[in-house]
Amino acid sequence: MNTKIVVLIILAFLAGLVFIGTGIYFLSASFLEKLNASSAADEVSRRKNTFRAKGSGMTAISLGALTIVWGLMLLSFPQIAAVLGLVYMFFLIGAFAVITLVFK
């Protein structure tokens, strides 16, 4: 196995864990309280903040799981690492598009 592939696998697992940790933080009550404290105190803003926090948290957790699965696929099929990387990039673009729509 190539050294570059090994580094990609290690970084994929680390990045996946970081994404999952970030998603758990976005779903926490303390993050929602901080988000509500920095915005208007009306009910509409609170509902939007709750939706944004849940959307961001779920997207980050999904992205973390996808990144870990990508690392496992790189471990299993190192010969097609370039194709797997391209597919992963399309999923990343989709995830960031979802986050952009949630915060609009």
PDB file of N, CA and C in Angstrom:
ATOM      1  N   MET A   1       0.847  -1.176   0.000  1.00  0.00           N
ATOM      2  CA  MET A   1       0.000   0.000   0.000  1.00  0.00           C
ATOM      3  C   MET A   1       0.894   1.242   0.000  1.00  0.00           C
ATOM      4  N   ASN A   2       0.508   2.219  -0.755  1.00  0.00           N
ATOM      5  CA  ASN A   2       1.254   3.454  -0.914  1.00  0.00           C
ATOM      6  C   ASN A   2       1.193   4.300   0.366  1.00  0.00           C
ATOM      7  N   THR A   3       2.248   5.052   0.634  1.00  0.00           N
ATOM      8  CA  THR A   3       2.296   5.903   1.827  1.00  0.00           C
ATOM      9  C   THR A   3       1.216   6.970   1.788  1.00  0.00           C
ATOM     10  N   LYS A   4       0.933   7.499   0.597  1.00  0.00           N
ATOM     11  CA  LYS A   4      -0.106   8.513   0.468  1.00  0.00           C
ATOM     12  C   LYS A   4      -1.475   7.957   0.860  1.00  0.00           C
ATOM     13  N   ILE A   5      -1.746   6.739   0.490  1.00  0.00           N
ATOM     14  CA  ILE A   5      -3.025   6.111   0.823  1.00  0.00           C
ATOM     15  C   ILE A   5      -3.132   5.907   2.331  1.00  0.00           C
ATOM     16  N   VAL A   6      -2.049   5.495   2.965  1.00  0.00           N
ATOM     17  CA  VAL A   6      -2.054   5.290   4.410  1.00  0.00           C
ATOM     18  C   VAL A   6      -2.330   6.613   5.130  1.00  0.00           C
ATOM     19  N   VAL A   7      -1.690   7.678   4.665  1.00  0.00           N
ATOM     20  CA  VAL A   7      -1.920   8.996   5.267  1.00  0.00           C
ATOM     21  C   VAL A   7      -3.372   9.423   5.064  1.00  0.00           C
ATOM     22  N   LEU A   8      -3.930   9.189   3.867  1.00  0.00           N
ATOM     23  CA  LEU A   8      -5.333   9.517   3.608  1.00  0.00           C
ATOM     24  C   LEU A   8      -6.276   8.731   4.512  1.00  0.00           C
ATOM     25  N   ILE A   9      -5.979   7.468   4.745  1.00  0.00           N
ATOM     26  CA  ILE A   9      -6.824   6.643   5.615  1.00  0.00           C
ATOM     27  C   ILE A   9      -6.798   7.172   7.044  1.00  0.00           C
ATOM     28  N   ILE A  10      -5.616   7.481   7.546  1.00  0.00           N
ATOM     29  CA  ILE A  10      -5.503   8.001   8.910  1.00  0.00           C
ATOM     30  C   ILE A  10      -6.225   9.338   9.036  1.00  0.00           C
ATOM     31  N   LEU A  11      -6.012  10.224   8.068  1.00  0.00           N
ATOM     32  CA  LEU A  11      -6.672  11.525   8.107  1.00  0.00           C
ATOM     33  C   LEU A  11      -8.185  11.406   7.952  1.00  0.00           C
ATOM     34  N   ALA A  12      -8.647  10.439   7.184  1.00  0.00           N
ATOM     35  CA  ALA A  12     -10.089  10.234   7.023  1.00  0.00           C
ATOM     36  C   ALA A  12     -10.720   9.829   8.350  1.00  0.00           C
ATOM     37  N   PHE A  13     -10.073   8.928   9.081  1.00  0.00           N
ATOM     38  CA  PHE A  13     -10.616   8.525  10.370  1.00  0.00           C
ATOM     39  C   PHE A  13     -10.606   9.680  11.364  1.00  0.00           C
ATOM     40  N   LEU A  14      -9.525  10.436  11.389  1.00  0.00           N
ATOM     41  CA  LEU A  14      -9.452  11.579  12.302  1.00  0.00           C
ATOM     42  C   LEU A  14     -10.491  12.642  11.939  1.00  0.00           C
ATOM     43  N   ALA A  15     -10.604  12.963  10.663  1.00  0.00           N
ATOM     44  CA  ALA A  15     -11.578  13.968  10.229  1.00  0.00           C
ATOM     45  C   ALA A  15     -13.009  13.495  10.502  1.00  0.00           C
ATOM     46  N   GLY A  16     -13.267  12.218  10.300  1.00  0.00           N
ATOM     47  CA  GLY A  16     -14.595  11.672  10.594  1.00  0.00           C
ATOM     48  C   GLY A  16     -14.955  11.822  12.056  1.00  0.00           C
ATOM     49  N   LEU A  17     -14.014  11.545  12.931  1.00  0.00           N
ATOM     50  CA  LEU A  17     -14.270  11.710  14.363  1.00  0.00           C
ATOM     51  C   LEU A  17     -14.486  13.174  14.730  1.00  0.00           C
ATOM     52  N   VAL A  18     -13.731  14.068  14.104  1.00  0.00           N
ATOM     53  CA  VAL A  18     -13.909  15.503  14.364  1.00  0.00           C
ATOM     54  C   VAL A  18     -15.278  15.968  13.877  1.00  0.00           C
ATOM     55  N   PHE A  19     -15.693  15.540  12.694  1.00  0.00           N
ATOM     56  CA  PHE A  19     -17.024  15.901  12.196  1.00  0.00           C
ATOM     57  C   PHE A  19     -18.114  15.385  13.125  1.00  0.00           C
ATOM     58  N   ILE A  20     -17.997  14.167  13.594  1.00  0.00           N
ATOM     59  CA  ILE A  20     -19.005  13.607  14.497  1.00  0.00           C
ATOM     60  C   ILE A  20     -19.023  14.380  15.813  1.00  0.00           C
ATOM     61  N   GLY A  21     -17.861  14.707  16.342  1.00  0.00           N
ATOM     62  CA  GLY A  21     -17.804  15.500  17.571  1.00  0.00           C
ATOM     63  C   GLY A  21     -18.424  16.871  17.403  1.00  0.00           C
ATOM     64  N   THR A  22     -18.165  17.500  16.265  1.00  0.00           N
ATOM     65  CA  THR A  22     -18.757  18.803  15.981  1.00  0.00           C
ATOM     66  C   THR A  22     -20.277  18.698  15.854  1.00  0.00           C
ATOM     67  N   GLY A  23     -20.750  17.653  15.208  1.00  0.00           N
ATOM     68  CA  GLY A  23     -22.192  17.445  15.076  1.00  0.00           C
ATOM     69  C   GLY A  23     -22.860  17.244  16.419  1.00  0.00           C
ATOM     70  N   ILE A  24     -22.217  16.512  17.301  1.00  0.00           N
ATOM     71  CA  ILE A  24     -22.776  16.312  18.645  1.00  0.00           C
ATOM     72  C   ILE A  24     -22.834  17.642  19.384  1.00  0.00           C
ATOM     73  N   TYR A  25     -21.802  18.473  19.223  1.00  0.00           N
ATOM     74  CA  TYR A  25     -21.819  19.795  19.855  1.00  0.00           C
ATOM     75  C   TYR A  25     -22.942  20.655  19.287  1.00  0.00           C
ATOM     76  N   PHE A  26     -23.143  20.626  17.968  1.00  0.00           N
ATOM     77  CA  PHE A  26     -24.214  21.413  17.368  1.00  0.00           C
ATOM     78  C   PHE A  26     -25.591  20.973  17.860  1.00  0.00           C
ATOM     79  N   LEU A  27     -25.731  19.720  18.233  1.00  0.00           N
ATOM     80  CA  LEU A  27     -27.014  19.220  18.729  1.00  0.00           C
ATOM     81  C   LEU A  27     -27.196  19.440  20.231  1.00  0.00           C
ATOM     82  N   SER A  28     -26.168  19.939  20.905  1.00  0.00           N
ATOM     83  CA  SER A  28     -26.251  20.103  22.359  1.00  0.00           C
ATOM     84  C   SER A  28     -27.086  21.321  22.732  1.00  0.00           C
ATOM     85  N   ALA A  29     -27.584  21.300  23.952  1.00  0.00           N
ATOM     86  CA  ALA A  29     -28.399  22.408  24.460  1.00  0.00           C
ATOM     87  C   ALA A  29     -27.556  23.665  24.675  1.00  0.00           C
ATOM     88  N   SER A  30     -26.300  23.500  25.040  1.00  0.00           N
ATOM     89  CA  SER A  30     -25.465  24.681  25.282  1.00  0.00           C
ATOM     90  C   SER A  30     -25.228  25.466  23.995  1.00  0.00           C
ATOM     91  N   PHE A  31     -25.048  24.784  22.872  1.00  0.00           N
ATOM     92  CA  PHE A  31     -24.884  25.476  21.596  1.00  0.00           C
ATOM     93  C   PHE A  31     -26.158  26.221  21.225  1.00  0.00           C
ATOM     94  N   LEU A  32     -27.310  25.589  21.449  1.00  0.00           N
ATOM     95  CA  LEU A  32     -28.587  26.230  21.134  1.00  0.00           C
ATOM     96  C   LEU A  32     -28.802  27.460  22.016  1.00  0.00           C
ATOM     97  N   GLU A  33     -28.415  27.378  23.279  1.00  0.00           N
ATOM     98  CA  GLU A  33     -28.535  28.537  24.170  1.00  0.00           C
ATOM     99  C   GLU A  33     -27.655  29.689  23.689  1.00  0.00           C
ATOM    100  N   LYS A  34     -26.430  29.384  23.280  1.00  0.00           N
ATOM    101  CA  LYS A  34     -25.535  30.434  22.770  1.00  0.00           C
ATOM    102  C   LYS A  34     -26.067  31.029  21.479  1.00  0.00           C
ATOM    103  N   LEU A  35     -26.644  30.195  20.631  1.00  0.00           N
ATOM    104  CA  LEU A  35     -27.216  30.675  19.386  1.00  0.00           C
ATOM    105  C   LEU A  35     -28.415  31.578  19.650  1.00  0.00           C
ATOM    106  N   ASN A  36     -29.258  31.181  20.599  1.00  0.00           N
ATOM    107  CA  ASN A  36     -30.414  31.998  20.945  1.00  0.00           C
ATOM    108  C   ASN A  36     -30.006  33.297  21.637  1.00  0.00           C
ATOM    109  N   ALA A  37     -28.929  33.277  22.403  1.00  0.00           N
ATOM    110  CA  ALA A  37     -28.475  34.479  23.098  1.00  0.00           C
ATOM    111  C   ALA A  37     -27.941  35.522  22.122  1.00  0.00           C
ATOM    112  N   SER A  38     -27.449  35.085  20.984  1.00  0.00           N
ATOM    113  CA  SER A  38     -26.872  36.024  20.025  1.00  0.00           C
ATOM    114  C   SER A  38     -27.877  36.511  18.989  1.00  0.00           C
ATOM    115  N   SER A  39     -29.123  36.105  19.098  1.00  0.00           N
ATOM    116  CA  SER A  39     -30.124  36.535  18.133  1.00  0.00           C
ATOM    117  C   SER A  39     -31.298  37.187  18.866  1.00  0.00           C
ATOM    118  N   ALA A  40     -32.293  37.590  18.101  1.00  0.00           N
ATOM    119  CA  ALA A  40     -33.477  38.222  18.687  1.00  0.00           C
ATOM    120  C   ALA A  40     -34.196  37.249  19.613  1.00  0.00           C
ATOM    121  N   ALA A  41     -34.934  37.797  20.569  1.00  0.00           N
ATOM    122  CA  ALA A  41     -35.552  36.968  21.603  1.00  0.00           C
ATOM    123  C   ALA A  41     -36.973  36.535  21.257  1.00  0.00           C
ATOM    124  N   ASP A  42     -37.390  36.664  20.018  1.00  0.00           N
ATOM    125  CA  ASP A  42     -38.748  36.264  19.672  1.00  0.00           C
ATOM    126  C   ASP A  42     -38.828  34.773  19.338  1.00  0.00           C
ATOM    127  N   GLU A  43     -40.052  34.284  19.251  1.00  0.00           N
ATOM    128  CA  GLU A  43     -40.287  32.850  19.042  1.00  0.00           C
ATOM    129  C   GLU A  43     -39.856  32.384  17.647  1.00  0.00           C
ATOM    130  N   VAL A  44     -40.006  33.226  16.664  1.00  0.00           N
ATOM    131  CA  VAL A  44     -39.629  32.855  15.291  1.00  0.00           C
ATOM    132  C   VAL A  44     -38.118  32.619  15.222  1.00  0.00           C
ATOM    133  N   SER A  45     -37.346  33.483  15.837  1.00  0.00           N
ATOM    134  CA  SER A  45     -35.885  33.318  15.836  1.00  0.00           C
ATOM    135  C   SER A  45     -35.480  32.046  16.566  1.00  0.00           C
ATOM    136  N   ARG A  46     -36.156  31.741  17.654  1.00  0.00           N
ATOM    137  CA  ARG A  46     -35.830  30.513  18.404  1.00  0.00           C
ATOM    138  C   ARG A  46     -36.117  29.263  17.580  1.00  0.00           C
ATOM    139  N   ARG A  47     -37.238  29.270  16.853  1.00  0.00           N
ATOM    140  CA  ARG A  47     -37.549  28.117  16.004  1.00  0.00           C
ATOM    141  C   ARG A  47     -36.546  27.976  14.870  1.00  0.00           C
ATOM    142  N   LYS A  48     -36.157  29.100  14.267  1.00  0.00           N
ATOM    143  CA  LYS A  48     -35.155  29.057  13.197  1.00  0.00           C
ATOM    144  C   LYS A  48     -33.811  28.572  13.738  1.00  0.00           C
ATOM    145  N   ASN A  49     -33.442  29.043  14.921  1.00  0.00           N
ATOM    146  CA  ASN A  49     -32.173  28.612  15.521  1.00  0.00           C
ATOM    147  C   ASN A  49     -32.183  27.124  15.837  1.00  0.00           C
ATOM    148  N   THR A  50     -33.317  26.621  16.321  1.00  0.00           N
ATOM    149  CA  THR A  50     -33.422  25.188  16.605  1.00  0.00           C
ATOM    150  C   THR A  50     -33.280  24.382  15.319  1.00  0.00           C
ATOM    151  N   PHE A  51     -33.958  24.836  14.268  1.00  0.00           N
ATOM    152  CA  PHE A  51     -33.860  24.157  12.980  1.00  0.00           C
ATOM    153  C   PHE A  51     -32.429  24.191  12.443  1.00  0.00           C
ATOM    154  N   ARG A  52     -31.779  25.331  12.554  1.00  0.00           N
ATOM    155  CA  ARG A  52     -30.404  25.469  12.079  1.00  0.00           C
ATOM    156  C   ARG A  52     -29.453  24.575  12.866  1.00  0.00           C
ATOM    157  N   ALA A  53     -29.611  24.553  14.174  1.00  0.00           N
ATOM    158  CA  ALA A  53     -28.725  23.731  15.009  1.00  0.00           C
ATOM    159  C   ALA A  53     -28.909  22.244  14.688  1.00  0.00           C
ATOM    160  N   LYS A  54     -30.160  21.812  14.569  1.00  0.00           N
ATOM    161  CA  LYS A  54     -30.408  20.402  14.246  1.00  0.00           C
ATOM    162  C   LYS A  54     -29.918  20.055  12.843  1.00  0.00           C
ATOM    163  N   GLY A  55     -30.169  20.940  11.883  1.00  0.00           N
ATOM    164  CA  GLY A  55     -29.714  20.686  10.518  1.00  0.00           C
ATOM    165  C   GLY A  55     -28.202  20.615  10.425  1.00  0.00           C
ATOM    166  N   SER A  56     -27.525  21.542  11.095  1.00  0.00           N
ATOM    167  CA  SER A  56     -26.057  21.537  11.083  1.00  0.00           C
ATOM    168  C   SER A  56     -25.506  20.316  11.805  1.00  0.00           C
ATOM    169  N   GLY A  57     -26.112  19.966  12.931  1.00  0.00           N
ATOM    170  CA  GLY A  57     -25.645  18.810  13.688  1.00  0.00           C
ATOM    171  C   GLY A  57     -25.805  17.513  12.925  1.00  0.00           C
ATOM    172  N   MET A  58     -26.958  17.327  12.339  1.00  0.00           N
ATOM    173  CA  MET A  58     -27.193  16.096  11.575  1.00  0.00           C
ATOM    174  C   MET A  58     -26.304  16.028  10.330  1.00  0.00           C
ATOM    175  N   THR A  59     -26.110  17.162   9.684  1.00  0.00           N
ATOM    176  CA  THR A  59     -25.239  17.184   8.514  1.00  0.00           C
ATOM    177  C   THR A  59     -23.804  16.858   8.900  1.00  0.00           C
ATOM    178  N   ALA A  60     -23.332  17.424  10.007  1.00  0.00           N
ATOM    179  CA  ALA A  60     -21.958  17.160  10.444  1.00  0.00           C
ATOM    180  C   ALA A  60     -21.776  15.698  10.846  1.00  0.00           C
ATOM    181  N   ILE A  61     -22.746  15.131  11.531  1.00  0.00           N
ATOM    182  CA  ILE A  61     -22.648  13.713  11.915  1.00  0.00           C
ATOM    183  C   ILE A  61     -22.683  12.829  10.672  1.00  0.00           C
ATOM    184  N   SER A  62     -23.555  13.151   9.730  1.00  0.00           N
ATOM    185  CA  SER A  62     -23.611  12.379   8.478  1.00  0.00           C
ATOM    186  C   SER A  62     -22.306  12.475   7.708  1.00  0.00           C
ATOM    187  N   LEU A  63     -21.752  13.677   7.674  1.00  0.00           N
ATOM    188  CA  LEU A  63     -20.482  13.871   6.984  1.00  0.00           C
ATOM    189  C   LEU A  63     -19.356  13.110   7.677  1.00  0.00           C
ATOM    190  N   GLY A  64     -19.387  13.058   9.001  1.00  0.00           N
ATOM    191  CA  GLY A  64     -18.388  12.285   9.737  1.00  0.00           C
ATOM    192  C   GLY A  64     -18.494  10.799   9.452  1.00  0.00           C
ATOM    193  N   ALA A  65     -19.724  10.299   9.432  1.00  0.00           N
ATOM    194  CA  ALA A  65     -19.917   8.883   9.116  1.00  0.00           C
ATOM    195  C   ALA A  65     -19.473   8.584   7.686  1.00  0.00           C
ATOM    196  N   LEU A  66     -19.798   9.480   6.765  1.00  0.00           N
ATOM    197  CA  LEU A  66     -19.370   9.301   5.380  1.00  0.00           C
ATOM    198  C   LEU A  66     -17.852   9.305   5.265  1.00  0.00           C
ATOM    199  N   THR A  67     -17.200  10.173   6.011  1.00  0.00           N
ATOM    200  CA  THR A  67     -15.744  10.250   5.960  1.00  0.00           C
ATOM    201  C   THR A  67     -15.103   8.973   6.509  1.00  0.00           C
ATOM    202  N   ILE A  68     -15.669   8.432   7.570  1.00  0.00           N
ATOM    203  CA  ILE A  68     -15.142   7.178   8.118  1.00  0.00           C
ATOM    204  C   ILE A  68     -15.367   6.028   7.134  1.00  0.00           C
ATOM    205  N   VAL A  69     -16.537   5.996   6.509  1.00  0.00           N
ATOM    206  CA  VAL A  69     -16.811   4.963   5.501  1.00  0.00           C
ATOM    207  C   VAL A  69     -15.853   5.116   4.325  1.00  0.00           C
ATOM    208  N   TRP A  70     -15.572   6.357   3.931  1.00  0.00           N
ATOM    209  CA  TRP A  70     -14.615   6.598   2.854  1.00  0.00           C
ATOM    210  C   TRP A  70     -13.237   6.073   3.232  1.00  0.00           C
ATOM    211  N   GLY A  71     -12.833   6.280   4.490  1.00  0.00           N
ATOM    212  CA  GLY A  71     -11.553   5.741   4.956  1.00  0.00           C
ATOM    213  C   GLY A  71     -11.521   4.228   4.913  1.00  0.00           C
ATOM    214  N   LEU A  72     -12.629   3.599   5.296  1.00  0.00           N
ATOM    215  CA  LEU A  72     -12.711   2.139   5.231  1.00  0.00           C
ATOM    216  C   LEU A  72     -12.662   1.643   3.780  1.00  0.00           C
ATOM    217  N   MET A  73     -13.299   2.382   2.889  1.00  0.00           N
ATOM    218  CA  MET A  73     -13.260   1.986   1.477  1.00  0.00           C
ATOM    219  C   MET A  73     -11.860   2.156   0.906  1.00  0.00           C
ATOM    220  N   LEU A  74     -11.163   3.213   1.329  1.00  0.00           N
ATOM    221  CA  LEU A  74      -9.770   3.368   0.901  1.00  0.00           C
ATOM    222  C   LEU A  74      -8.911   2.221   1.415  1.00  0.00           C
ATOM    223  N   LEU A  75      -9.193   1.791   2.623  1.00  0.00           N
ATOM    224  CA  LEU A  75      -8.454   0.668   3.201  1.00  0.00           C
ATOM    225  C   LEU A  75      -8.744  -0.619   2.435  1.00  0.00           C
ATOM    226  N   SER A  76     -10.005  -0.786   2.030  1.00  0.00           N
ATOM    227  CA  SER A  76     -10.399  -2.011   1.330  1.00  0.00           C
ATOM    228  C   SER A  76     -10.015  -2.014  -0.148  1.00  0.00           C
ATOM    229  N   PHE A  77     -10.130  -0.858  -0.790  1.00  0.00           N
ATOM    230  CA  PHE A  77      -9.886  -0.765  -2.231  1.00  0.00           C
ATOM    231  C   PHE A  77      -8.900   0.360  -2.540  1.00  0.00           C
ATOM    232  N   PRO A  78      -7.637   0.224  -2.184  1.00  0.00           N
ATOM    233  CA  PRO A  78      -6.689   1.313  -2.431  1.00  0.00           C
ATOM    234  C   PRO A  78      -6.409   1.556  -3.917  1.00  0.00           C
ATOM    235  N   GLN A  79      -6.754   0.602  -4.777  1.00  0.00           N
ATOM    236  CA  GLN A  79      -6.483   0.748  -6.201  1.00  0.00           C
ATOM    237  C   GLN A  79      -7.362   1.819  -6.840  1.00  0.00           C
ATOM    238  N   ILE A  80      -8.544   2.040  -6.292  1.00  0.00           N
ATOM    239  CA  ILE A  80      -9.458   3.016  -6.887  1.00  0.00           C
ATOM    240  C   ILE A  80      -9.588   4.253  -5.994  1.00  0.00           C
ATOM    241  N   ALA A  81      -8.502   4.641  -5.374  1.00  0.00           N
ATOM    242  CA  ALA A  81      -8.518   5.782  -4.454  1.00  0.00           C
ATOM    243  C   ALA A  81      -8.924   7.072  -5.153  1.00  0.00           C
ATOM    244  N   ALA A  82      -8.515   7.260  -6.386  1.00  0.00           N
ATOM    245  CA  ALA A  82      -8.848   8.495  -7.112  1.00  0.00           C
ATOM    246  C   ALA A  82     -10.356   8.594  -7.367  1.00  0.00           C
ATOM    247  N   VAL A  83     -10.960   7.495  -7.758  1.00  0.00           N
ATOM    248  CA  VAL A  83     -12.405   7.483  -8.008  1.00  0.00           C
ATOM    249  C   VAL A  83     -13.162   7.698  -6.703  1.00  0.00           C
ATOM    250  N   LEU A  84     -12.729   7.028  -5.637  1.00  0.00           N
ATOM    251  CA  LEU A  84     -13.365   7.197  -4.337  1.00  0.00           C
ATOM    252  C   LEU A  84     -13.234   8.640  -3.851  1.00  0.00           C
ATOM    253  N   GLY A  85     -12.093   9.249  -4.098  1.00  0.00           N
ATOM    254  CA  GLY A  85     -11.893  10.648  -3.720  1.00  0.00           C
ATOM    255  C   GLY A  85     -12.824  11.578  -4.480  1.00  0.00           C
ATOM    256  N   LEU A  86     -13.035  11.309  -5.763  1.00  0.00           N
ATOM    257  CA  LEU A  86     -13.936  12.131  -6.569  1.00  0.00           C
ATOM    258  C   LEU A  86     -15.377  12.010  -6.064  1.00  0.00           C
ATOM    259  N   VAL A  87     -15.815  10.802  -5.797  1.00  0.00           N
ATOM    260  CA  VAL A  87     -17.171  10.593  -5.285  1.00  0.00           C
ATOM    261  C   VAL A  87     -17.329  11.273  -3.923  1.00  0.00           C
ATOM    262  N   TYR A  88     -16.315  11.166  -3.090  1.00  0.00           N
ATOM    263  CA  TYR A  88     -16.353  11.795  -1.768  1.00  0.00           C
ATOM    264  C   TYR A  88     -16.464  13.316  -1.903  1.00  0.00           C
ATOM    265  N   MET A  89     -15.765  13.901  -2.857  1.00  0.00           N
ATOM    266  CA  MET A  89     -15.827  15.351  -3.063  1.00  0.00           C
ATOM    267  C   MET A  89     -17.230  15.788  -3.472  1.00  0.00           C
ATOM    268  N   PHE A  90     -17.914  14.996  -4.289  1.00  0.00           N
ATOM    269  CA  PHE A  90     -19.292  15.330  -4.649  1.00  0.00           C
ATOM    270  C   PHE A  90     -20.202  15.295  -3.425  1.00  0.00           C
ATOM    271  N   PHE A  91     -19.994  14.314  -2.540  1.00  0.00           N
ATOM    272  CA  PHE A  91     -20.770  14.273  -1.311  1.00  0.00           C
ATOM    273  C   PHE A  91     -20.467  15.476  -0.422  1.00  0.00           C
ATOM    274  N   LEU A  92     -19.217  15.896  -0.365  1.00  0.00           N
ATOM    275  CA  LEU A  92     -18.856  17.085   0.411  1.00  0.00           C
ATOM    276  C   LEU A  92     -19.549  18.329  -0.135  1.00  0.00           C
ATOM    277  N   ILE A  93     -19.564  18.472  -1.441  1.00  0.00           N
ATOM    278  CA  ILE A  93     -20.233  19.621  -2.055  1.00  0.00           C
ATOM    279  C   ILE A  93     -21.722  19.603  -1.696  1.00  0.00           C
ATOM    280  N   GLY A  94     -22.332  18.445  -1.741  1.00  0.00           N
ATOM    281  CA  GLY A  94     -23.743  18.328  -1.367  1.00  0.00           C
ATOM    282  C   GLY A  94     -23.988  18.674   0.092  1.00  0.00           C
ATOM    283  N   ALA A  95     -23.110  18.223   0.970  1.00  0.00           N
ATOM    284  CA  ALA A  95     -23.277  18.513   2.395  1.00  0.00           C
ATOM    285  C   ALA A  95     -23.136  20.001   2.678  1.00  0.00           C
ATOM    286  N   PHE A  96     -22.181  20.643   2.054  1.00  0.00           N
ATOM    287  CA  PHE A  96     -22.017  22.074   2.267  1.00  0.00           C
ATOM    288  C   PHE A  96     -23.149  22.868   1.625  1.00  0.00           C
ATOM    289  N   ALA A  97     -23.737  22.361   0.560  1.00  0.00           N
ATOM    290  CA  ALA A  97     -24.917  23.008  -0.014  1.00  0.00           C
ATOM    291  C   ALA A  97     -26.098  22.922   0.952  1.00  0.00           C
ATOM    292  N   VAL A  98     -26.251  21.782   1.610  1.00  0.00           N
ATOM    293  CA  VAL A  98     -27.314  21.630   2.608  1.00  0.00           C
ATOM    294  C   VAL A  98     -27.107  22.615   3.751  1.00  0.00           C
ATOM    295  N   ILE A  99     -25.886  22.725   4.242  1.00  0.00           N
ATOM    296  CA  ILE A  99     -25.610  23.652   5.332  1.00  0.00           C
ATOM    297  C   ILE A  99     -25.888  25.085   4.893  1.00  0.00           C
ATOM    298  N   THR A 100     -25.528  25.423   3.680  1.00  0.00           N
ATOM    299  CA  THR A 100     -25.778  26.775   3.175  1.00  0.00           C
ATOM    300  C   THR A 100     -27.269  27.059   3.112  1.00  0.00           C
ATOM    301  N   LEU A 101     -28.056  26.091   2.675  1.00  0.00           N
ATOM    302  CA  LEU A 101     -29.506  26.278   2.623  1.00  0.00           C
ATOM    303  C   LEU A 101     -30.121  26.369   4.010  1.00  0.00           C
ATOM    304  N   VAL A 102     -29.586  25.623   4.960  1.00  0.00           N
ATOM    305  CA  VAL A 102     -30.132  25.652   6.318  1.00  0.00           C
ATOM    306  C   VAL A 102     -29.907  27.019   6.952  1.00  0.00           C
ATOM    307  N   PHE A 103     -28.780  27.628   6.717  1.00  0.00           N
ATOM    308  CA  PHE A 103     -28.468  28.906   7.336  1.00  0.00           C
ATOM    309  C   PHE A 103     -28.950  30.110   6.533  1.00  0.00           C
ATOM    310  N   LYS A 104     -29.635  29.891   5.442  1.00  0.00           N
ATOM    311  CA  LYS A 104     -30.136  31.004   4.633  1.00  0.00           C
ATOM    312  C   LYS A 104     -31.273  31.696   5.306  1.00  0.00           C
TER     313      LYS A 104
END
